[in-house]
């Protein structure tokens, strides 16, 4: 199959943070269509991105492979993701009196100019606001990484990375808030006893 990036990308919607799926559409709908248009090599690159959307995959081996991947977007996206992940781990370690480096993944991850902004985000008491701000930070980084990619596989990867953020926020309720807090704790592989989400009072 030829790499008809122009056709694929021109067929995709322009995403914004308030974009929503139409009825009967989903992340999977768009993913399936995109992959149906790609050749085998590009499908593997997409799969490398998708692998990083699964918390259970995010171990040292995954990041070692991602940070040395042949695709620049994959390398840079997961370098940023690792920096954010390690910052979350250090934040939780400090909050719960654990060793500073526990549950971090010690790999060369380059400069992290967003560190100060991320620290401010993690310090907020508004859990849903925190998650929204973290995704805003990721959205901005995705835009930065794909700034000059118009009709290539990196533009498609950026679309999928942003679409995943939209999919995550498609439906929110109080239970989602609890789940997000549990996810923040669980995703650094720690086990914290007696930590519960308390919904804010009206």
Protein backbone atom coordinates (compact mmCIF):
# COMPACT_ATOMS: atom_id res chain seq x y z
CA UNK A 1 0.00 0.00 0.00
CA UNK A 2 1.35 3.45 -0.89
CA UNK A 3 1.86 6.09 1.79
CA UNK A 4 -0.94 8.46 0.89
CA UNK A 5 -0.48 10.75 3.89
CA UNK A 6 -2.09 13.72 2.16
CA UNK A 7 -5.37 11.83 1.72
CA UNK A 8 -5.37 10.46 5.26
CA UNK A 9 -4.57 13.75 6.98
CA UNK A 10 -6.93 15.83 4.85
CA UNK A 11 -9.71 13.41 5.87
CA UNK A 12 -9.11 13.90 9.59
CA UNK A 13 -10.99 16.50 11.65
CA UNK A 14 -9.16 19.50 13.06
CA UNK A 15 -8.90 18.72 16.77
CA UNK A 16 -9.28 21.18 19.62
CA UNK A 17 -9.64 20.59 23.35
CA UNK A 18 -13.43 20.99 23.11
CA UNK A 19 -13.84 18.75 20.05
CA UNK A 20 -16.26 15.87 20.59
CA UNK A 21 -16.98 12.58 18.85
CA UNK A 22 -20.05 12.37 16.69
CA UNK A 23 -22.70 9.77 17.48
CA UNK A 24 -21.48 6.17 17.12
CA UNK A 25 -17.88 7.33 16.67
CA UNK A 26 -15.00 6.77 19.07
CA UNK A 27 -11.24 6.68 19.34
CA UNK A 28 -11.38 3.13 18.01
CA UNK A 29 -13.43 4.19 15.00
CA UNK A 30 -10.83 6.69 13.89
CA UNK A 31 -7.94 4.38 14.75
CA UNK A 32 -9.36 1.55 12.67
CA UNK A 33 -9.89 3.81 9.67
CA UNK A 34 -6.41 5.32 9.89
CA UNK A 35 -4.72 1.93 10.18
CA UNK A 36 -6.72 0.65 7.20
CA UNK A 37 -5.00 3.33 5.11
CA UNK A 38 -1.44 2.68 6.30
CA UNK A 39 1.21 0.28 5.11
CA UNK A 40 2.63 -2.36 7.44
CA UNK A 41 5.63 -0.30 8.52
CA UNK A 42 3.48 2.66 9.55
CA UNK A 43 1.02 0.38 11.33
CA UNK A 44 3.90 -0.85 13.48
CA UNK A 45 4.82 2.74 14.30
CA UNK A 46 1.23 3.48 15.31
CA UNK A 47 1.23 0.33 17.45
CA UNK A 48 4.37 1.57 19.22
CA UNK A 49 2.45 4.71 20.20
CA UNK A 50 -0.61 2.72 21.27
CA UNK A 51 1.52 0.45 23.46
CA UNK A 52 2.42 3.51 25.51
CA UNK A 53 -1.26 4.25 26.17
CA UNK A 54 -1.49 1.16 28.37
CA UNK A 55 -0.30 1.70 31.95
CA UNK A 56 0.69 -1.94 32.35
CA UNK A 57 3.31 -1.52 29.61
CA UNK A 58 5.09 1.47 31.11
CA UNK A 59 8.16 -0.17 32.59
CA UNK A 60 11.86 0.41 32.08
CA UNK A 61 12.02 -1.90 29.08
CA UNK A 62 9.23 -0.05 27.32
CA UNK A 63 10.86 3.34 27.78
CA UNK A 64 14.27 2.04 26.73
CA UNK A 65 12.74 0.87 23.46
CA UNK A 66 10.66 4.03 22.97
CA UNK A 67 13.55 6.41 23.62
CA UNK A 68 15.63 4.65 20.96
CA UNK A 69 12.79 4.17 18.44
CA UNK A 70 13.46 5.00 14.80
CA UNK A 71 10.61 7.49 14.69
CA UNK A 72 11.34 10.95 16.09
CA UNK A 73 7.81 11.60 17.37
CA UNK A 74 7.80 8.33 19.31
CA UNK A 75 11.19 9.14 20.86
CA UNK A 76 10.28 12.69 21.84
CA UNK A 77 6.73 11.95 22.96
CA UNK A 78 7.81 9.22 25.34
CA UNK A 79 10.83 11.18 26.55
CA UNK A 80 8.37 13.84 27.67
CA UNK A 81 6.00 11.20 29.02
CA UNK A 82 8.82 9.67 31.08
CA UNK A 83 9.80 13.06 32.50
CA UNK A 84 6.19 13.69 33.52
CA UNK A 85 5.85 10.20 34.96
CA UNK A 86 9.01 10.54 37.04
CA UNK A 87 7.86 13.94 38.30
CA UNK A 88 4.55 12.42 39.40
CA UNK A 89 6.39 9.63 41.18
CA UNK A 90 8.64 12.08 43.04
CA UNK A 91 5.59 14.18 43.96
CA UNK A 92 3.81 11.16 45.44
CA UNK A 93 6.95 9.95 47.17
CA UNK A 94 7.31 13.30 48.92
CA UNK A 95 3.61 13.39 49.82
CA UNK A 96 3.71 9.92 51.37
CA UNK A 97 7.17 10.07 52.94
CA UNK A 98 8.77 7.57 50.60
CA UNK A 99 12.31 7.62 49.21
CA UNK A 100 12.68 10.30 46.54
CA UNK A 101 13.72 7.93 43.75
CA UNK A 102 11.27 5.14 44.46
CA UNK A 103 9.16 4.05 41.46
CA UNK A 104 11.00 6.38 39.10
CA UNK A 105 12.62 5.09 35.92
CA UNK A 106 16.22 6.24 35.70
CA UNK A 107 16.92 6.75 32.00
CA UNK A 108 18.51 9.69 30.15
CA UNK A 109 15.52 11.84 29.25
CA UNK A 110 17.14 15.10 28.16
CA UNK A 111 16.12 18.62 29.13
CA UNK A 112 12.73 19.16 30.73
CA UNK A 113 11.86 22.87 30.45
CA UNK A 114 8.28 22.16 31.55
CA UNK A 115 9.43 20.97 34.99
CA UNK A 116 8.47 24.14 36.88
CA UNK A 117 5.04 24.31 35.27
CA UNK A 118 4.45 20.64 36.03
CA UNK A 119 5.44 21.12 39.67
CA UNK A 120 2.83 23.84 39.99
CA UNK A 121 0.18 21.63 38.42
CA UNK A 122 0.88 18.73 40.75
CA UNK A 123 0.68 21.00 43.80
CA UNK A 124 -2.95 21.97 43.17
CA UNK A 125 -5.65 20.50 45.43
CA UNK A 126 -8.25 20.31 42.65
CA UNK A 127 -7.88 16.73 41.40
CA UNK A 128 -9.91 17.11 38.23
CA UNK A 129 -8.29 20.47 37.56
CA UNK A 130 -4.91 18.84 38.01
CA UNK A 131 -5.68 16.13 35.48
CA UNK A 132 -7.04 18.68 33.03
CA UNK A 133 -3.89 20.79 33.38
CA UNK A 134 -1.66 17.72 32.92
CA UNK A 135 -3.47 16.87 29.71
CA UNK A 136 -3.24 20.50 28.58
CA UNK A 137 0.51 20.27 29.14
CA UNK A 138 0.67 17.10 27.07
CA UNK A 139 -1.52 18.63 24.34
CA UNK A 140 0.82 21.60 24.08
CA UNK A 141 3.83 19.29 23.87
CA UNK A 142 2.21 17.21 21.12
CA UNK A 143 1.58 20.39 19.13
CA UNK A 144 5.19 21.41 19.63
CA UNK A 145 6.52 18.02 18.52
CA UNK A 146 4.42 18.03 15.35
CA UNK A 147 4.70 21.75 14.53
CA UNK A 148 6.31 21.27 11.12
CA UNK A 149 4.79 17.88 10.30
CA UNK A 150 1.97 18.40 7.85
CA UNK A 151 1.69 15.30 5.68
CA UNK A 152 3.69 12.49 7.25
CA UNK A 153 3.36 9.72 9.83
CA UNK A 154 4.26 12.10 12.67
CA UNK A 155 1.18 14.21 11.90
CA UNK A 156 -0.93 11.05 12.18
CA UNK A 157 0.73 10.06 15.46
CA UNK A 158 0.09 13.54 16.85
CA UNK A 159 -3.56 13.30 15.82
CA UNK A 160 -3.94 9.98 17.65
CA UNK A 161 -2.17 11.27 20.75
CA UNK A 162 -4.52 14.26 20.93
CA UNK A 163 -7.55 12.12 20.12
CA UNK A 164 -6.69 9.92 23.08
CA UNK A 165 -6.77 12.96 25.37
CA UNK A 166 -10.18 13.92 24.01
CA UNK A 167 -11.40 10.35 24.45
CA UNK A 168 -10.27 10.38 28.06
CA UNK A 169 -12.39 13.43 28.83
CA UNK A 170 -15.40 12.48 26.74
CA UNK A 171 -17.48 11.69 29.80
CA UNK A 172 -16.71 12.92 33.30
CA UNK A 173 -18.46 12.45 36.62
CA UNK A 174 -17.58 12.14 40.30
CA UNK A 175 -16.60 8.50 39.91
CA UNK A 176 -14.19 9.55 37.19
CA UNK A 177 -12.62 11.89 39.72
CA UNK A 178 -12.06 8.99 42.10
CA UNK A 179 -10.68 6.86 39.29
CA UNK A 180 -8.27 9.59 38.24
CA UNK A 181 -6.90 9.87 41.76
CA UNK A 182 -6.48 6.11 42.01
CA UNK A 183 -4.80 6.16 38.60
CA UNK A 184 -2.37 8.87 39.72
CA UNK A 185 -1.38 6.65 42.62
CA UNK A 186 -1.42 3.35 40.76
CA UNK A 187 0.47 4.47 37.69
CA UNK A 188 3.74 4.83 39.59
CA UNK A 189 3.42 1.24 40.76
CA UNK A 190 3.20 2.25 44.43
CA UNK A 191 0.84 0.77 46.98
CA UNK A 192 -0.44 3.37 49.40
CA UNK A 193 -2.62 2.10 52.21
CA UNK A 194 -5.58 4.05 53.48
CA UNK A 195 -5.58 6.73 50.78
CA UNK A 196 -9.05 7.67 49.64
CA UNK A 197 -10.54 10.26 47.35
CA UNK A 198 -12.83 12.68 49.19
CA UNK A 199 -15.30 14.54 47.01
CA UNK A 200 -15.34 18.31 47.60
CA UNK A 201 -18.31 19.63 49.56
CA UNK A 202 -20.79 21.97 47.89
